Protein backbone atom coordinates (compact mmCIF):
# COMPACT_ATOMS: atom_id res chain seq x y z
CA UNK A 1 23.20 37.80 -4.45
CA UNK A 2 20.06 36.45 -5.98
CA UNK A 3 17.73 34.29 -3.87
CA UNK A 4 16.46 31.07 -5.18
CA UNK A 5 12.55 30.62 -4.90
CA UNK A 6 11.74 27.87 -2.50
CA UNK A 7 9.30 26.46 -5.02
CA UNK A 8 11.99 25.74 -7.48
CA UNK A 9 14.44 24.02 -5.20
CA UNK A 10 15.14 20.46 -6.29
CA UNK A 11 18.14 19.41 -4.02
CA UNK A 12 19.93 20.71 -0.95
CA UNK A 13 23.65 19.85 -0.59
CA UNK A 14 24.60 19.21 3.12
CA UNK A 15 28.30 19.39 3.87
CA UNK A 16 30.26 19.22 7.12
CA UNK A 17 33.21 21.55 7.74
CA UNK A 18 36.33 21.00 9.94
CA UNK A 19 39.10 23.63 10.09
CA UNK A 20 42.12 24.11 12.25
CA UNK A 21 41.82 27.51 13.87
CA UNK A 22 39.13 30.18 14.12
CA UNK A 23 37.16 31.18 10.87
CA UNK A 24 33.93 32.94 10.45
CA UNK A 25 30.99 32.60 8.13
CA UNK A 26 32.06 35.22 5.78
CA UNK A 27 35.45 33.69 5.39
CA UNK A 28 33.74 30.33 4.46
CA UNK A 29 31.31 31.73 1.85
CA UNK A 30 34.18 33.70 0.27
CA UNK A 31 36.31 30.48 0.14
CA UNK A 32 33.36 28.63 -1.59
CA UNK A 33 33.06 31.21 -4.26
CA UNK A 34 36.80 32.11 -4.64
CA UNK A 35 38.32 28.55 -4.74
CA UNK A 36 35.74 27.22 -7.10
CA UNK A 37 36.01 30.11 -9.54
CA UNK A 38 37.26 28.92 -12.93
CA UNK A 39 37.30 25.32 -11.71
CA UNK A 40 34.24 24.18 -13.66
CA UNK A 41 34.02 26.47 -16.52
CA UNK A 42 31.70 29.28 -17.18
CA UNK A 43 28.52 27.22 -17.15
CA UNK A 44 28.99 26.19 -13.65
CA UNK A 45 30.53 29.35 -12.16
CA UNK A 46 29.11 29.55 -8.63
CA UNK A 47 28.62 33.44 -8.72
CA UNK A 48 26.83 33.31 -12.02
CA UNK A 49 24.64 30.35 -10.96
CA UNK A 50 23.58 32.34 -7.94
CA UNK A 51 22.94 35.37 -9.94
CA UNK A 52 20.69 33.34 -12.34
CA UNK A 53 18.84 31.71 -9.49
CA UNK A 54 20.18 28.17 -10.17
CA UNK A 55 21.97 28.19 -6.79
CA UNK A 56 20.34 29.65 -3.74
CA UNK A 57 21.48 31.45 -0.69
CA UNK A 58 24.28 29.37 1.03
CA UNK A 59 23.61 28.74 4.54
CA UNK A 60 26.54 28.28 6.92
CA UNK A 61 26.52 27.57 10.65
CA UNK A 62 30.29 27.68 12.37
CA UNK A 63 31.36 26.97 16.05
CA UNK A 64 34.77 27.56 17.50
CA UNK A 65 35.91 25.35 20.30
CA UNK A 66 39.23 24.03 21.55
CA UNK A 67 41.17 25.73 18.83
CA UNK A 68 38.97 24.23 15.92
CA UNK A 69 35.98 25.43 14.06
CA UNK A 70 33.34 22.98 13.00
CA UNK A 71 30.16 23.75 11.01
CA UNK A 72 27.76 22.83 8.51
CA UNK A 73 27.11 24.17 4.98
CA UNK A 74 23.82 23.94 2.95
CA UNK A 75 23.71 24.85 -0.67
CA UNK A 76 20.19 24.90 -2.32
CA UNK A 77 20.01 23.97 -5.87
CA UNK A 78 17.48 24.18 -8.74
CA UNK A 79 19.77 22.35 -11.24
CA UNK A 80 19.41 18.76 -12.28
CA UNK A 81 20.89 15.80 -10.49
CA UNK A 82 24.19 15.73 -12.50
CA UNK A 83 25.02 19.30 -12.16
CA UNK A 84 24.18 19.32 -8.41
CA UNK A 85 26.50 16.43 -7.74
CA UNK A 86 29.32 18.20 -9.59
CA UNK A 87 28.79 21.36 -7.50
CA UNK A 88 28.84 19.31 -4.29
CA UNK A 89 32.06 17.51 -5.30
CA UNK A 90 33.64 20.84 -6.12
CA UNK A 91 33.10 21.92 -2.55
CA UNK A 92 35.26 18.98 -1.27
CA UNK A 93 38.26 20.58 -3.14
CA UNK A 94 38.45 23.50 -0.73
CA UNK A 95 41.54 22.84 1.55
CA UNK A 96 41.97 26.18 3.22
CA UNK A 97 39.64 28.92 4.58
CA UNK A 98 41.76 31.98 5.38
CA UNK A 99 44.96 30.84 7.10
CA UNK A 100 43.39 27.70 8.47
CA UNK A 101 43.62 24.20 6.94
CA UNK A 102 40.00 23.07 6.35
CA UNK A 103 38.26 19.84 5.18
CA UNK A 104 34.82 19.94 3.73
CA UNK A 105 32.96 16.65 3.40
CA UNK A 106 29.53 16.14 1.66
CA UNK A 107 27.24 14.27 3.99
CA UNK A 108 24.22 13.92 1.62
CA UNK A 109 22.30 15.50 -1.34
CA UNK A 110 18.82 15.71 -0.14
CA UNK A 111 16.04 15.33 -2.88
CA UNK A 112 13.55 17.86 -1.59
CA UNK A 113 10.83 16.77 -3.98
CA UNK A 114 10.92 13.30 -2.60
CA UNK A 115 10.34 14.59 0.92
CA UNK A 116 7.57 16.78 -0.34
CA UNK A 117 6.04 13.77 -1.92
CA UNK A 118 6.10 11.81 1.25
CA UNK A 119 4.64 14.60 3.13
CA UNK A 120 1.86 15.02 0.53
CA UNK A 121 1.05 11.24 0.86
CA UNK A 122 0.97 11.29 4.73
CA UNK A 123 -1.11 14.43 4.70
CA UNK A 124 -3.53 13.22 2.00
CA UNK A 125 -4.14 9.98 4.31
CA UNK A 126 -5.11 12.23 7.24
CA UNK A 127 -7.32 14.40 5.05
CA UNK A 128 -8.96 11.37 3.70
CA UNK A 129 -9.66 10.16 7.24
CA UNK A 130 -11.35 13.56 8.12
CA UNK A 131 -13.20 13.63 4.95
CA UNK A 132 -14.61 10.05 5.43
CA UNK A 133 -16.88 8.29 3.02
CA UNK A 134 -19.07 10.70 1.24
CA UNK A 135 -20.38 8.10 -1.12
CA UNK A 136 -22.23 8.90 -4.34
CA UNK A 137 -18.87 8.25 -6.34
CA UNK A 138 -18.87 7.73 -9.98
CA UNK A 139 -18.52 3.91 -9.44
CA UNK A 140 -21.39 3.94 -6.98
CA UNK A 141 -23.60 6.03 -9.27
CA UNK A 142 -22.81 3.68 -12.16
CA UNK A 143 -23.58 0.61 -10.04
CA UNK A 144 -26.98 2.27 -8.92
CA UNK A 145 -27.88 2.91 -12.62
CA UNK A 146 -27.16 -0.59 -13.61
CA UNK A 147 -29.07 -2.04 -10.67
CA UNK A 148 -32.02 0.22 -11.57
CA UNK A 149 -32.01 -1.11 -15.21
CA UNK A 150 -31.95 -4.60 -14.03
CA UNK A 151 -34.71 -4.31 -11.41
CA UNK A 152 -36.83 -2.58 -14.11
CA UNK A 153 -37.02 -5.81 -15.94
CA UNK A 154 -39.00 -7.27 -12.98
CA UNK A 155 -42.36 -8.80 -14.10
CA UNK A 156 -45.19 -10.66 -12.74
CA UNK A 157 -46.62 -14.17 -13.50
CA UNK A 158 -49.84 -15.95 -13.20
CA UNK A 159 -53.05 -14.98 -11.41
CA UNK A 160 -51.20 -14.42 -8.30
CA UNK A 161 -48.99 -11.79 -9.86
CA UNK A 162 -45.76 -13.58 -8.60
CA UNK A 163 -42.70 -11.34 -8.86
CA UNK A 164 -40.32 -12.81 -11.57
CA UNK A 165 -37.75 -12.06 -14.22
CA UNK A 166 -37.43 -13.51 -17.80
CA UNK A 167 -39.06 -17.07 -17.71
CA UNK A 168 -38.85 -17.64 -21.38
CA UNK A 169 -35.81 -19.99 -21.22
CA UNK A 170 -35.68 -23.64 -20.41
CA UNK A 171 -34.47 -23.19 -16.82
CA UNK A 172 -36.35 -21.42 -13.90
CA UNK A 173 -35.13 -20.72 -10.47
CA UNK A 174 -37.80 -20.76 -7.64
CA UNK A 175 -37.03 -18.60 -4.52
CA UNK A 176 -39.01 -17.58 -1.60
CA UNK A 177 -39.71 -13.79 -2.01
CA UNK A 178 -39.72 -10.69 -3.94
CA UNK A 179 -36.48 -9.54 -2.33
CA UNK A 180 -34.80 -12.63 -3.48
CA UNK A 181 -35.86 -12.09 -7.05
CA UNK A 182 -34.47 -8.44 -6.90
CA UNK A 183 -31.11 -9.60 -5.61
CA UNK A 184 -30.76 -12.15 -8.34
CA UNK A 185 -31.77 -9.58 -10.93
CA UNK A 186 -29.12 -7.09 -9.55
CA UNK A 187 -26.49 -9.79 -9.95
CA UNK A 188 -27.42 -10.90 -13.54
CA UNK A 189 -29.63 -13.96 -12.77
CA UNK A 190 -32.84 -13.07 -14.73
CA UNK A 191 -34.81 -16.43 -14.69
CA UNK A 192 -36.20 -16.39 -11.09
CA UNK A 193 -39.73 -16.43 -9.75
CA UNK A 194 -40.83 -15.95 -6.09
CA UNK A 195 -43.39 -18.13 -4.26
CA UNK A 196 -44.29 -15.12 -1.99
CA UNK A 197 -43.95 -17.09 1.11
CA UNK A 198 -43.50 -20.82 2.22
CA UNK A 199 -46.67 -22.07 0.53
CA UNK A 200 -46.11 -23.10 -3.07
CA UNK A 201 -48.74 -21.35 -5.43
CA UNK A 202 -50.50 -23.62 -7.96
CA UNK A 203 -49.16 -21.39 -10.79
CA UNK A 204 -45.57 -22.41 -9.86
CA UNK A 205 -46.57 -26.11 -9.64
CA UNK A 206 -47.86 -25.87 -13.29
CA UNK A 207 -44.85 -23.85 -14.42
CA UNK A 208 -42.49 -26.54 -13.10
CA UNK A 209 -44.20 -29.03 -15.31
CA UNK A 210 -43.43 -27.01 -18.38
CA UNK A 211 -39.64 -26.47 -17.81
CA UNK A 212 -36.96 -29.12 -18.29
CA UNK A 213 -34.70 -27.65 -15.65
CA UNK A 214 -36.14 -26.43 -12.39
CA UNK A 215 -33.83 -25.20 -9.42
CA UNK A 216 -35.18 -24.49 -5.92
CA UNK A 217 -32.94 -21.75 -4.35
CA UNK A 218 -33.52 -21.42 -0.61
CA UNK A 219 -32.10 -19.52 2.51
CA UNK A 220 -29.52 -21.27 4.61
CA UNK A 221 -31.70 -21.61 7.71
CA UNK A 222 -34.36 -24.12 9.06
CA UNK A 223 -37.14 -22.20 6.90
CA UNK A 224 -35.12 -23.06 3.97
CA UNK A 225 -35.07 -26.71 4.81
CA UNK A 226 -38.77 -26.72 5.44
CA UNK A 227 -39.35 -25.16 2.03
CA UNK A 228 -37.32 -27.89 0.36
CA UNK A 229 -39.40 -30.55 1.99
CA UNK A 230 -42.64 -28.95 1.20
CA UNK A 231 -41.90 -27.95 -2.45
CA UNK A 232 -40.29 -31.03 -3.56
CA UNK A 233 -43.19 -33.12 -2.43
CA UNK A 234 -45.70 -30.96 -4.44
CA UNK A 235 -43.79 -29.93 -7.66
CA UNK A 236 -41.26 -31.30 -10.03
CA UNK A 237 -37.86 -30.01 -8.71
CA UNK A 238 -34.76 -31.17 -10.53
CA UNK A 239 -32.12 -29.47 -8.44
CA UNK A 240 -31.76 -27.80 -4.89
CA UNK A 241 -29.34 -24.89 -4.22
CA UNK A 242 -28.81 -23.41 -0.87
CA UNK A 243 -27.36 -20.15 0.73
CA UNK A 244 -24.64 -20.60 3.41
CA UNK A 245 -25.73 -21.25 6.95
CA UNK A 246 -27.39 -18.24 8.48
CA UNK A 247 -27.53 -16.25 5.22
CA UNK A 248 -30.57 -15.42 3.09
CA UNK A 249 -30.68 -15.43 -0.78
CA UNK A 250 -31.64 -11.58 -0.69
CA UNK A 251 -28.24 -10.66 0.96
CA UNK A 252 -25.85 -12.91 -1.02
CA UNK A 253 -23.20 -11.32 -3.27
CA UNK A 254 -23.04 -12.03 -6.87
CA UNK A 255 -20.12 -14.35 -6.36
CA UNK A 256 -21.93 -16.29 -3.63
CA UNK A 257 -25.10 -16.55 -5.78
CA UNK A 258 -23.06 -18.10 -8.67
CA UNK A 259 -21.15 -20.46 -6.45
CA UNK A 260 -24.25 -21.73 -4.81
CA UNK A 261 -26.08 -22.28 -8.06
CA UNK A 262 -23.01 -24.07 -9.49
CA UNK A 263 -22.83 -26.42 -6.62
CA UNK A 264 -26.56 -27.24 -6.73
CA UNK A 265 -27.59 -30.86 -5.83
CA UNK A 266 -30.06 -33.11 -7.59
CA UNK A 267 -33.40 -32.95 -5.59
CA UNK A 268 -33.60 -36.76 -5.06
CA UNK A 269 -30.18 -36.89 -3.51
CA UNK A 270 -30.43 -33.76 -1.27
CA UNK A 271 -30.43 -34.15 2.39
CA UNK A 272 -29.48 -31.98 5.40
CA UNK A 273 -25.99 -33.24 5.49
CA UNK A 274 -25.19 -31.88 2.23
CA UNK A 275 -25.56 -28.16 3.25
CA UNK A 276 -21.80 -28.11 3.40
CA UNK A 277 -21.86 -28.29 -0.34
CA UNK A 278 -22.98 -24.56 -0.54
CA UNK A 279 -20.83 -21.32 -1.02
CA UNK A 280 -19.03 -21.34 2.23
CA UNK A 281 -17.78 -23.87 4.83
CA UNK A 282 -17.93 -22.44 8.32
CA UNK A 283 -15.33 -22.93 11.11
CA UNK A 284 -17.20 -25.77 12.84
CA UNK A 285 -17.32 -27.70 9.52
CA UNK A 286 -13.64 -27.22 8.62
CA UNK A 287 -11.01 -29.56 9.61
CA UNK A 288 -8.89 -28.16 12.43
CA UNK A 289 -5.49 -27.31 11.24
CA UNK A 290 -2.87 -27.59 13.71
CA UNK A 291 -0.42 -24.69 13.35
CA UNK A 292 2.97 -24.77 14.81
CA UNK A 293 3.13 -21.83 17.17
CA UNK A 294 6.34 -19.76 16.89
CA UNK A 295 8.33 -19.21 19.93
CA UNK A 296 8.07 -15.65 21.18
CA UNK A 297 11.24 -13.75 20.34
CA UNK A 298 13.16 -12.03 22.95
CA UNK A 299 12.90 -8.11 23.25
CA UNK A 300 15.35 -6.59 20.87
CA UNK A 301 18.33 -4.60 22.40
CA UNK A 302 19.21 -2.02 19.95
CA UNK A 303 23.01 -1.74 19.19
CA UNK A 304 24.16 1.49 17.54
CA UNK A 305 26.64 0.91 14.88
CA UNK A 306 30.06 2.58 15.31
CA UNK A 307 31.73 5.07 12.91
CA UNK A 308 34.51 2.37 11.96
CA UNK A 309 31.53 -0.19 11.20
CA UNK A 310 30.08 2.42 8.89
CA UNK A 311 33.51 2.96 7.28
CA UNK A 312 33.84 -0.79 6.66
CA UNK A 313 30.58 -0.82 4.57
CA UNK A 314 31.33 2.47 2.91
CA UNK A 315 31.95 0.99 -0.56
CA UNK A 316 28.74 -1.00 -0.45
CA UNK A 317 26.79 2.16 0.48
CA UNK A 318 28.40 4.12 -2.35
CA UNK A 319 27.44 1.49 -4.88
CA UNK A 320 23.88 1.52 -3.40
CA UNK A 321 23.33 5.28 -4.30
CA UNK A 322 21.11 5.47 -7.41
CA UNK A 323 19.97 1.77 -7.48
CA UNK A 324 16.66 2.14 -5.62
CA UNK A 325 17.66 -0.89 -3.77
CA UNK A 326 18.32 -2.23 -0.13
CA UNK A 327 21.25 -3.95 1.43
CA UNK A 328 20.91 -5.82 4.69
CA UNK A 329 24.06 -6.62 6.78
CA UNK A 330 24.46 -8.84 9.88
CA UNK A 331 26.46 -8.14 12.94
CA UNK A 332 29.73 -9.23 11.22
CA UNK A 333 28.92 -6.69 8.42
CA UNK A 334 28.39 -9.34 5.97
CA UNK A 335 25.79 -8.73 3.35
CA UNK A 336 22.79 -10.97 4.07
CA UNK A 337 20.52 -9.67 1.26
CA UNK A 338 20.44 -7.19 -1.69
CA UNK A 339 17.18 -6.57 -3.25
CA UNK A 340 14.81 -3.88 -4.68
CA UNK A 341 13.25 -1.40 -2.36
CA UNK A 342 9.77 -2.66 -3.38
CA UNK A 343 10.63 -6.22 -1.99
CA UNK A 344 11.35 -5.12 1.52
CA UNK A 345 7.83 -6.11 2.90
CA UNK A 346 8.16 -9.63 1.52
CA UNK A 347 11.39 -10.70 3.14
CA UNK A 348 11.97 -13.07 6.13
CA UNK A 349 15.05 -13.40 8.01
CA UNK A 350 16.39 -16.06 10.30
CA UNK A 351 18.62 -13.54 12.23
CA UNK A 352 18.18 -9.82 13.20
CA UNK A 353 19.11 -7.24 10.53
CA UNK A 354 22.01 -5.23 12.13
CA UNK A 355 22.04 -2.61 9.43
CA UNK A 356 19.56 -1.91 6.66
CA UNK A 357 20.69 0.49 4.03
CA UNK A 358 18.08 2.06 1.78
CA UNK A 359 18.45 4.19 -1.42
CA UNK A 360 15.28 6.21 -0.96
CA UNK A 361 12.97 7.81 1.70
CA UNK A 362 12.27 5.82 4.84
CA UNK A 363 8.66 6.34 5.19
CA UNK A 364 6.60 5.24 8.35
CA UNK A 365 5.62 2.14 6.47
CA UNK A 366 9.27 1.26 5.67
CA UNK A 367 10.30 2.02 9.24
CA UNK A 368 7.61 -0.26 10.65
CA UNK A 369 8.74 -2.98 8.35
CA UNK A 370 12.24 -2.62 9.50
CA UNK A 371 10.98 -2.85 13.06
CA UNK A 372 9.21 -6.19 12.21
CA UNK A 373 12.57 -7.69 10.95
CA UNK A 374 14.25 -6.53 14.08
CA UNK A 375 16.55 -3.81 12.49
CA UNK A 376 19.12 -2.06 14.68
CA UNK A 377 20.36 0.61 12.26
CA UNK A 378 18.60 2.17 9.29
CA UNK A 379 20.43 4.00 6.71
CA UNK A 380 18.46 5.96 4.11
CA UNK A 381 18.60 8.88 1.64
CA UNK A 382 15.78 10.87 3.47
CA UNK A 383 13.49 10.27 6.40
CA UNK A 384 9.90 11.21 7.00
CA UNK A 385 9.18 12.18 10.72
CA UNK A 386 8.61 9.14 12.52
CA UNK A 387 8.96 7.74 16.07
CA UNK A 388 11.08 4.57 16.32
CA UNK A 389 13.77 2.85 18.48
CA UNK A 390 15.82 2.10 15.40
CA UNK A 391 19.09 4.19 15.11
CA UNK A 392 18.56 6.38 11.84
CA UNK A 393 21.45 7.55 9.73
CA UNK A 394 21.53 9.32 6.45
CA UNK A 395 23.00 7.64 3.39
């Protein structure tokens, strides 16, 4: 018999065997080939499929006890989903093995590729953690090049050689130092000039007289307030913009810079109480919002579903296969919700989820979500190795 390459395996058919009397592995394998012969036509002949490598080596485990033989059968398949399910259904037609009445039931058809993908995802996460942040990625390199190009447009102005950008327009932004100008240039604000300290240079005083729109942009600290008082008394300032409390202009992000400039205040109207009109309102300035505290829930006592309960929802589970969806049942086995698998993380339930059935692989993230919504029993197509108190069962 030909062996299928592990690389080409797509599905594994898992079946349960029960026989009245003693039977052995060779009897079971012989019955599989013998009783399916001619049943599905030449294209799906079990012996020919195995010779061509479409069906792998059939693994059988059998145990005899109390006059009965029980066991498990695994059939690896490299065929597509449709052909594999036909082969699986054919196994259930076997009614006798040797002299013994036998029943074979398909428990699940495992998608090996899905398990591999989940393994790859989890392993990749761990490898990424070990690798760490090496930096110098393409996006970082691109950002550095752009910043360098913008900073290269730095100029000097006046006899004091004050650092500045392009001052040819009608609007100019006065900042405290060179680092402030560099940060504004990096974030696309080109019309800034630095005072090089708290003292206002005479060159800047003359410049403010020429420009119809002058903005003073200062740090969000006491020094910034002193600069506002000093500069507005000496020069023509039209608007004042301030960084958030405790932050300097040179460390603001592009978004914070634009927000602060957008919320500038007329210089003759500015006072210390208007600091809150900057980029960010801090906790001490916010109105306290009273949140209703949820009562702590009692610890969940996991209740395992019985065989009869599973049988009662069998039709629902059968209809779930192939839908990539979820069904949630309460303790009375009534369906609470039915929704796509992608929506699991968004649901909120008023009661505990007694059973959650998933058409797909129960990854650690999915299992954690099920724990949050207080699930007792989780039924899924496949499971990735994960520790949980939830009772797990195959779909």
